[in-house]
C-alpha cells in the first residue's frame, strides 16, 4: 500500500495527538487487512468492518484517533470457511492464530480469545524484512482480529444457558493457574467437561488429554463448535457471543438485544484512510447496538487491551538498539532504519 509521505508525521485529530509510531501501526495493520481482503475476495467470503473500525469509517473516514487496531467480522458460515482455508490461502509470512491455528504456538498467540486473528509471523520475517513490509513499524505480530457473528436462538432459556456456559469457561481459563496451584482444578473443570460432552456429543475422553495448553485449547474449541451448531436453529438474530454478559437474574432475563441478520444482507464500501473497507448496508443500526444512538459523538477512550498495544514491547526494543550501539530514539530509528542498519 502507498501512503502520503506526511501520513507518518505526528498529527492532532479531534484534539487527540496521534504519535508517529501509531501512524506506523495503523499502516501496518492496513497491510494485514489487505492480505485478508485478498483471501476473502478470491473465495467470495463476506467480511464487514466491526466495532471501532466500522465506527471510524463512518465517523472519521479512517481510524478513530485514539484507537489502535482493526477489527472485522463475518457471519458464522463465512467465518468457518475462512478459518478452514486460511492456513493454505494466506500468503507466506502470515498466519491464523487462535483456536484454529495450526499449532500450539499459534493457539497461544491469540491469548484466551475465541475470535481468530491473522498476524505477521515473527518466525518468518527478519527485522529488516518486517520493517520494510510494514512501513518502518518495528514491533512483531501486527495483525487484525476477526469475530464470528453467530446466530442466536430466540428462546431466552437457550440464550441464557449458552452464555452461562461461555462465561463459566472464560472464568475457568482466566483462573486456570490459580485453581491448579490450590489443587482445585479438577473440581472446577469436571462439571464443565460434563456439560460440554452432553452438548457436543463428545464421548471420546479427549478433554483430559495432553498438557494444560491442549486442555485449554480443547475447551475453547468445543465451546466454539457448540456455538457454531446454533446457526441452523434460528437465523434472524446475530451477535458476537463473547460480547454478551451473563445475566445476573435468570428469572428476570427475557433475551438479549441482538442485531438482525438482514442488516448484513448487503454491503457498502466506506473510505478508510487511504483505502476502503466493507461495511454492512445497515451500518447505522449495527453501530447503535454496539455504541448507542449517539455513536456519532466522539468519546475519547483507550482500547481495552491498553493503548497503545505495543507499549510493552518498547522497553525491550530500546534495549536492543542500545546493545547494537544505536543511541537514538525509537521513532528516529524507524524514520531512518534502512540506512542505520546498512551502516551496521
Protein backbone atom coordinates (compact mmCIF):
# COMPACT_ATOMS: atom_id res chain seq x y z
CA UNK A 1 0.00 0.00 0.00
CA UNK A 2 1.11 3.54 -0.67
CA UNK A 3 0.85 6.31 1.90
CA UNK A 4 1.49 10.01 1.50
CA UNK A 5 4.91 10.94 2.91
CA UNK A 6 3.21 13.15 5.50
CA UNK A 7 0.95 10.34 6.74
CA UNK A 8 3.57 9.13 9.24
CA UNK A 9 4.03 12.52 10.88
CA UNK A 10 2.61 13.20 14.33
CA UNK A 11 -0.83 14.73 13.94
CA UNK A 12 -3.68 16.07 16.04
CA UNK A 13 -7.08 14.63 15.22
CA UNK A 14 -10.22 15.58 17.15
CA UNK A 15 -7.98 17.20 19.75
CA UNK A 16 -6.04 13.96 20.26
CA UNK A 17 -2.33 13.63 19.46
CA UNK A 18 -1.68 10.66 17.18
CA UNK A 19 2.01 9.81 17.53
CA UNK A 20 4.32 8.92 14.68
CA UNK A 21 4.62 5.31 15.86
CA UNK A 22 0.86 4.91 15.97
CA UNK A 23 0.69 6.04 12.35
CA UNK A 24 3.13 3.24 11.50
CA UNK A 25 0.97 0.78 13.47
CA UNK A 26 -2.10 1.94 11.55
CA UNK A 27 -0.36 1.45 8.22
CA UNK A 28 0.97 -1.96 9.26
CA UNK A 29 -2.50 -3.19 10.29
CA UNK A 30 -3.93 -1.99 6.99
CA UNK A 31 -1.35 -4.15 5.21
CA UNK A 32 -2.66 -7.19 7.09
CA UNK A 33 -6.21 -6.18 6.20
CA UNK A 34 -5.22 -6.14 2.52
CA UNK A 35 -3.97 -9.72 2.87
CA UNK A 36 -7.24 -10.84 4.47
CA UNK A 37 -9.28 -8.97 1.86
CA UNK A 38 -7.37 -10.81 -0.86
CA UNK A 39 -8.32 -14.20 0.56
CA UNK A 40 -11.93 -13.13 1.05
CA UNK A 41 -12.27 -11.80 -2.50
CA UNK A 42 -10.70 -14.92 -4.00
CA UNK A 43 -13.15 -17.22 -2.19
CA UNK A 44 -16.22 -14.95 -2.20
CA UNK A 45 -16.21 -14.65 1.60
CA UNK A 46 -18.09 -11.67 3.01
CA UNK A 47 -16.48 -9.64 5.75
CA UNK A 48 -17.52 -6.40 7.43
CA UNK A 49 -15.68 -3.71 9.35
CA UNK A 50 -16.53 -4.13 13.03
CA UNK A 51 -16.52 -2.20 16.30
CA UNK A 52 -14.16 0.78 16.30
CA UNK A 53 -13.11 0.13 12.71
CA UNK A 54 -16.70 0.47 11.49
CA UNK A 55 -17.30 3.49 13.70
CA UNK A 56 -14.06 5.07 12.47
CA UNK A 57 -15.02 4.56 8.85
CA UNK A 58 -18.43 6.17 9.37
CA UNK A 59 -17.42 8.99 11.72
CA UNK A 60 -13.78 9.74 10.77
CA UNK A 61 -13.31 8.14 7.34
CA UNK A 62 -10.43 6.26 8.92
CA UNK A 63 -9.17 5.28 12.33
CA UNK A 64 -10.74 6.69 15.46
CA UNK A 65 -7.82 8.89 16.59
CA UNK A 66 -7.49 7.10 19.95
CA UNK A 67 -7.97 3.59 18.53
CA UNK A 68 -5.04 1.36 17.63
CA UNK A 69 -6.29 -1.73 15.83
CA UNK A 70 -8.54 -3.13 13.11
CA UNK A 71 -11.49 -5.42 13.72
CA UNK A 72 -13.63 -7.20 11.17
CA UNK A 73 -16.47 -9.69 11.50
CA UNK A 74 -18.03 -12.43 9.39
CA UNK A 75 -21.29 -14.30 9.55
CA UNK A 76 -20.62 -17.73 11.02
CA UNK A 77 -20.70 -19.68 7.74
CA UNK A 78 -18.19 -17.30 6.15
CA UNK A 79 -16.05 -17.32 9.31
CA UNK A 80 -15.95 -21.13 9.29
CA UNK A 81 -14.97 -21.13 5.61
CA UNK A 82 -12.23 -18.57 6.24
CA UNK A 83 -10.61 -20.39 9.16
CA UNK A 84 -10.79 -23.66 7.20
CA UNK A 85 -8.79 -22.31 4.24
CA UNK A 86 -6.60 -19.70 5.95
CA UNK A 87 -3.63 -21.99 6.51
CA UNK A 88 -3.23 -22.75 2.80
CA UNK A 89 -4.51 -19.46 1.35
CA UNK A 90 -2.73 -16.84 3.44
CA UNK A 91 0.47 -15.73 1.71
CA UNK A 92 3.82 -16.70 3.13
CA UNK A 93 4.61 -14.82 6.31
CA UNK A 94 1.02 -14.54 7.53
CA UNK A 95 -0.66 -16.98 9.92
CA UNK A 96 -4.01 -17.60 11.54
CA UNK A 97 -3.87 -17.55 15.33
CA UNK A 98 -6.40 -18.58 17.95
CA UNK A 99 -8.24 -21.86 18.34
CA UNK A 100 -7.99 -22.66 14.62
CA UNK A 101 -4.26 -22.01 14.37
CA UNK A 102 -2.28 -24.98 13.09
CA UNK A 103 -0.05 -25.43 16.16
CA UNK A 104 0.03 -24.67 19.89
CA UNK A 105 2.30 -21.65 19.38
CA UNK A 106 -0.46 -20.05 17.32
CA UNK A 107 -3.25 -21.03 19.71
CA UNK A 108 -1.49 -19.19 22.49
CA UNK A 109 -0.54 -16.20 20.32
CA UNK A 110 -4.16 -15.11 20.49
CA UNK A 111 -4.41 -15.41 24.26
CA UNK A 112 -7.69 -16.64 25.66
CA UNK A 113 -9.77 -15.03 22.95
CA UNK A 114 -12.30 -17.03 20.94
CA UNK A 115 -12.01 -14.85 17.86
CA UNK A 116 -9.48 -15.52 15.11
CA UNK A 117 -6.55 -13.24 14.37
CA UNK A 118 -4.42 -13.01 11.24
CA UNK A 119 -0.95 -11.75 12.03
CA UNK A 120 2.51 -11.41 10.57
CA UNK A 121 4.59 -14.37 11.73
CA UNK A 122 7.70 -13.36 13.65
CA UNK A 123 9.26 -16.71 12.75
CA UNK A 124 9.14 -15.79 9.05
CA UNK A 125 10.28 -12.15 8.93
CA UNK A 126 13.70 -10.83 9.83
CA UNK A 127 13.56 -7.37 11.40
CA UNK A 128 14.69 -5.60 8.17
CA UNK A 129 12.14 -7.56 6.13
CA UNK A 130 9.41 -6.83 8.66
CA UNK A 131 10.12 -3.10 8.80
CA UNK A 132 10.35 -2.89 5.03
CA UNK A 133 6.95 -4.56 4.57
CA UNK A 134 5.22 -2.73 7.41
CA UNK A 135 6.30 0.88 6.81
CA UNK A 136 9.00 1.04 9.45
CA UNK A 137 6.84 -0.42 12.23
CA UNK A 138 9.27 -2.42 14.40
CA UNK A 139 7.03 -4.43 16.72
CA UNK A 140 6.34 -8.00 15.68
CA UNK A 141 2.99 -9.76 15.43
CA UNK A 142 0.99 -6.97 13.83
CA UNK A 143 -2.44 -8.32 12.92
CA UNK A 144 -6.20 -7.85 12.76
CA UNK A 145 -8.97 -9.56 14.73
CA UNK A 146 -11.82 -11.47 13.08
CA UNK A 147 -15.03 -12.02 15.05
CA UNK A 148 -17.72 -14.56 14.16
CA UNK A 149 -21.28 -13.28 14.02
CA UNK A 150 -23.30 -16.16 15.42
CA UNK A 151 -26.98 -16.85 15.02
CA UNK A 152 -28.57 -16.68 18.45
CA UNK A 153 -31.70 -18.72 19.19
CA UNK A 154 -34.68 -16.54 20.06
CA UNK A 155 -35.53 -18.72 23.07
CA UNK A 156 -34.36 -16.80 26.17
CA UNK A 157 -33.73 -20.02 28.12
CA UNK A 158 -31.35 -21.34 25.46
CA UNK A 159 -29.67 -17.94 25.26
CA UNK A 160 -29.09 -17.92 28.99
CA UNK A 161 -27.69 -21.46 29.11
CA UNK A 162 -25.36 -20.80 26.18
CA UNK A 163 -23.95 -17.57 27.60
CA UNK A 164 -23.74 -19.02 31.11
CA UNK A 165 -21.56 -21.89 29.84
CA UNK A 166 -19.46 -19.49 27.75
CA UNK A 167 -18.92 -17.27 30.82
CA UNK A 168 -18.00 -20.23 33.03
CA UNK A 169 -15.41 -21.40 30.50
CA UNK A 170 -13.90 -17.91 30.32
CA UNK A 171 -13.67 -17.75 34.12
CA UNK A 172 -12.09 -21.20 34.21
CA UNK A 173 -9.49 -20.23 31.61
CA UNK A 174 -8.68 -16.98 33.44
CA UNK A 175 -8.28 -18.74 36.79
CA UNK A 176 -6.67 -21.95 35.48
CA UNK A 177 -3.30 -21.41 37.16
CA UNK A 178 -4.92 -20.29 40.42
CA UNK A 179 -7.08 -23.42 40.55
CA UNK A 180 -4.12 -25.59 39.67
CA UNK A 181 -1.95 -24.08 42.40
CA UNK A 182 -4.57 -24.59 45.09
CA UNK A 183 -5.32 -28.12 43.83
CA UNK A 184 -8.96 -27.40 42.85
CA UNK A 185 -8.56 -27.53 39.05
CA UNK A 186 -10.28 -30.89 38.64
CA UNK A 187 -13.13 -29.75 40.89
CA UNK A 188 -13.76 -26.76 38.60
CA UNK A 189 -13.16 -28.48 35.25
CA UNK A 190 -15.17 -31.69 35.77
CA UNK A 191 -18.67 -30.15 35.68
CA UNK A 192 -17.80 -28.06 32.63
CA UNK A 193 -16.36 -31.08 30.82
CA UNK A 194 -19.57 -32.98 31.59
CA UNK A 195 -21.76 -30.21 30.17
CA UNK A 196 -19.59 -29.90 27.07
CA UNK A 197 -19.75 -33.64 26.44
CA UNK A 198 -23.53 -33.54 26.73
CA UNK A 199 -23.90 -30.58 24.37
CA UNK A 200 -21.28 -31.62 21.82
CA UNK A 201 -21.94 -35.37 21.90
CA UNK A 202 -18.23 -35.94 22.53
CA UNK A 203 -17.69 -39.20 24.38
CA UNK A 204 -14.09 -39.93 23.41
CA UNK A 205 -12.48 -38.56 26.56
CA UNK A 206 -10.25 -36.05 24.76
CA UNK A 207 -10.97 -33.35 27.33
CA UNK A 208 -8.26 -34.65 29.64
CA UNK A 209 -5.59 -35.50 27.07
CA UNK A 210 -2.32 -33.57 26.88
CA UNK A 211 -0.82 -30.73 28.87
CA UNK A 212 -2.58 -27.56 30.02
CA UNK A 213 -2.18 -25.89 26.63
CA UNK A 214 -4.02 -28.75 24.90
CA UNK A 215 -6.71 -28.94 27.58
CA UNK A 216 -7.47 -25.22 27.41
CA UNK A 217 -7.45 -25.34 23.62
CA UNK A 218 -9.92 -28.21 23.62
CA UNK A 219 -12.26 -26.30 25.93
CA UNK A 220 -12.29 -23.30 23.60
CA UNK A 221 -12.68 -25.48 20.52
CA UNK A 222 -15.65 -27.41 21.92
CA UNK A 223 -17.36 -24.21 23.00
CA UNK A 224 -16.92 -22.71 19.56
CA UNK A 225 -18.34 -25.84 17.91
CA UNK A 226 -21.39 -25.66 20.17
CA UNK A 227 -21.97 -22.00 19.31
CA UNK A 228 -21.43 -22.78 15.63
CA UNK A 229 -24.03 -25.55 15.73
CA UNK A 230 -26.68 -22.97 16.66
CA UNK A 231 -26.58 -21.40 13.22
CA UNK A 232 -29.38 -23.58 11.89
CA UNK A 233 -31.70 -23.10 14.87
CA UNK A 234 -32.70 -19.50 14.24
CA UNK A 235 -31.14 -17.28 11.61
CA UNK A 236 -32.88 -13.98 12.37
CA UNK A 237 -30.62 -12.70 15.15
CA UNK A 238 -26.84 -12.39 15.19
CA UNK A 239 -24.39 -11.47 17.93
CA UNK A 240 -20.76 -11.75 18.85
CA UNK A 241 -21.18 -14.27 21.65
CA UNK A 242 -18.24 -13.02 23.69
CA UNK A 243 -19.88 -9.58 23.92
CA UNK A 244 -22.82 -10.95 25.90
CA UNK A 245 -22.65 -10.66 29.69
CA UNK A 246 -24.19 -13.47 31.69
CA UNK A 247 -27.46 -12.13 33.18
CA UNK A 248 -27.40 -11.87 36.97
CA UNK A 249 -31.03 -12.81 37.42
CA UNK A 250 -32.12 -15.80 35.37
CA UNK A 251 -35.81 -15.41 36.17
CA UNK A 252 -35.82 -11.76 35.09
CA UNK A 253 -33.95 -12.42 31.85
CA UNK A 254 -36.07 -12.20 28.69
CA UNK A 255 -33.45 -12.27 25.98
CA UNK A 256 -30.56 -10.22 24.61
CA UNK A 257 -30.70 -7.26 22.29
CA UNK A 258 -29.45 -8.69 19.01
CA UNK A 259 -28.51 -7.43 15.61
CA UNK A 260 -30.69 -8.57 12.74
CA UNK A 261 -29.26 -10.84 10.07
CA UNK A 262 -30.93 -8.71 7.39
CA UNK A 263 -28.69 -5.78 8.38
CA UNK A 264 -25.79 -7.76 6.88
CA UNK A 265 -27.65 -8.86 3.74
CA UNK A 266 -25.77 -6.39 1.56
CA UNK A 267 -22.58 -4.36 1.79
CA UNK A 268 -21.34 -0.85 1.13
CA UNK A 269 -17.79 0.45 0.70
CA UNK A 270 -16.63 3.21 3.03
CA UNK A 271 -13.45 5.27 2.81
CA UNK A 272 -10.87 4.40 5.44
CA UNK A 273 -7.58 6.32 5.43
CA UNK A 274 -6.00 5.60 2.03
CA UNK A 275 -8.18 2.58 1.27
CA UNK A 276 -11.77 1.38 1.67
CA UNK A 277 -13.46 -1.09 4.00
CA UNK A 278 -16.61 -3.12 3.57
CA UNK A 279 -19.50 -2.24 5.88
CA UNK A 280 -22.94 -3.79 6.37
CA UNK A 281 -25.55 -1.88 4.41
CA UNK A 282 -27.47 -1.13 7.63
CA UNK A 283 -24.36 0.04 9.46
CA UNK A 284 -26.24 2.69 11.45
CA UNK A 285 -28.38 0.03 13.18
CA UNK A 286 -25.27 -2.05 13.89
CA UNK A 287 -23.45 0.92 15.40
CA UNK A 288 -26.41 1.75 17.62
CA UNK A 289 -26.25 -1.74 19.13
CA UNK A 290 -22.50 -1.54 19.67
CA UNK A 291 -22.14 2.12 20.72
CA UNK A 292 -25.60 3.59 21.39
CA UNK A 293 -27.74 6.06 19.48
CA UNK A 294 -25.23 8.88 19.94
CA UNK A 295 -22.39 6.98 18.23
CA UNK A 296 -21.55 10.00 16.05
CA UNK A 297 -20.47 11.99 19.11
CA UNK A 298 -16.76 11.26 19.80
CA UNK A 299 -15.89 9.93 23.24
CA UNK A 300 -12.17 9.63 23.93
CA UNK A 301 -11.09 6.32 25.38
CA UNK A 302 -8.23 3.85 25.15
CA UNK A 303 -8.63 0.39 23.67
CA UNK A 304 -9.41 -2.35 26.21
CA UNK A 305 -6.05 -4.06 25.73
CA UNK A 306 -4.18 -0.93 26.75
CA UNK A 307 -3.32 1.92 24.40
CA UNK A 308 -1.07 1.64 22.54
CA UNK A 309 -0.99 -2.12 22.13
CA UNK A 310 2.77 -2.14 21.51
CA UNK A 311 3.71 -0.26 24.71
CA UNK A 312 5.02 -3.39 26.44
CA UNK A 313 7.43 -4.00 23.53
CA UNK A 314 9.05 -0.57 23.59
CA UNK A 315 11.41 -1.15 26.51
CA UNK A 316 12.79 -4.35 25.00
CA UNK A 317 13.25 -2.65 21.63
CA UNK A 318 15.11 0.33 23.14
CA UNK A 319 17.40 -2.11 24.94
CA UNK A 320 18.06 -3.95 21.68
CA UNK A 321 19.01 -0.69 19.94
CA UNK A 322 21.40 0.27 22.72
CA UNK A 323 23.03 -3.15 22.64
CA UNK A 324 23.52 -2.65 18.91
CA UNK A 325 25.19 0.70 19.55
CA UNK A 326 22.28 2.75 18.18
CA UNK A 327 21.81 5.64 20.63
CA UNK A 328 18.78 7.42 19.20
CA UNK A 329 15.05 7.33 19.89
CA UNK A 330 12.91 4.52 18.53
CA UNK A 331 10.99 7.00 16.37
CA UNK A 332 14.18 8.34 14.82
CA UNK A 333 15.41 4.81 14.24
CA UNK A 334 12.18 3.92 12.44
CA UNK A 335 12.42 7.02 10.24
CA UNK A 336 15.92 6.08 9.11
CA UNK A 337 16.10 2.37 9.86
CA UNK A 338 17.31 1.15 6.46
CA UNK A 339 20.34 3.44 6.34
CA UNK A 340 21.17 2.79 10.01
CA UNK A 341 21.13 -0.99 9.52
CA UNK A 342 23.23 -0.72 6.38
CA UNK A 343 25.93 1.08 8.39
CA UNK A 344 25.98 -1.84 10.81
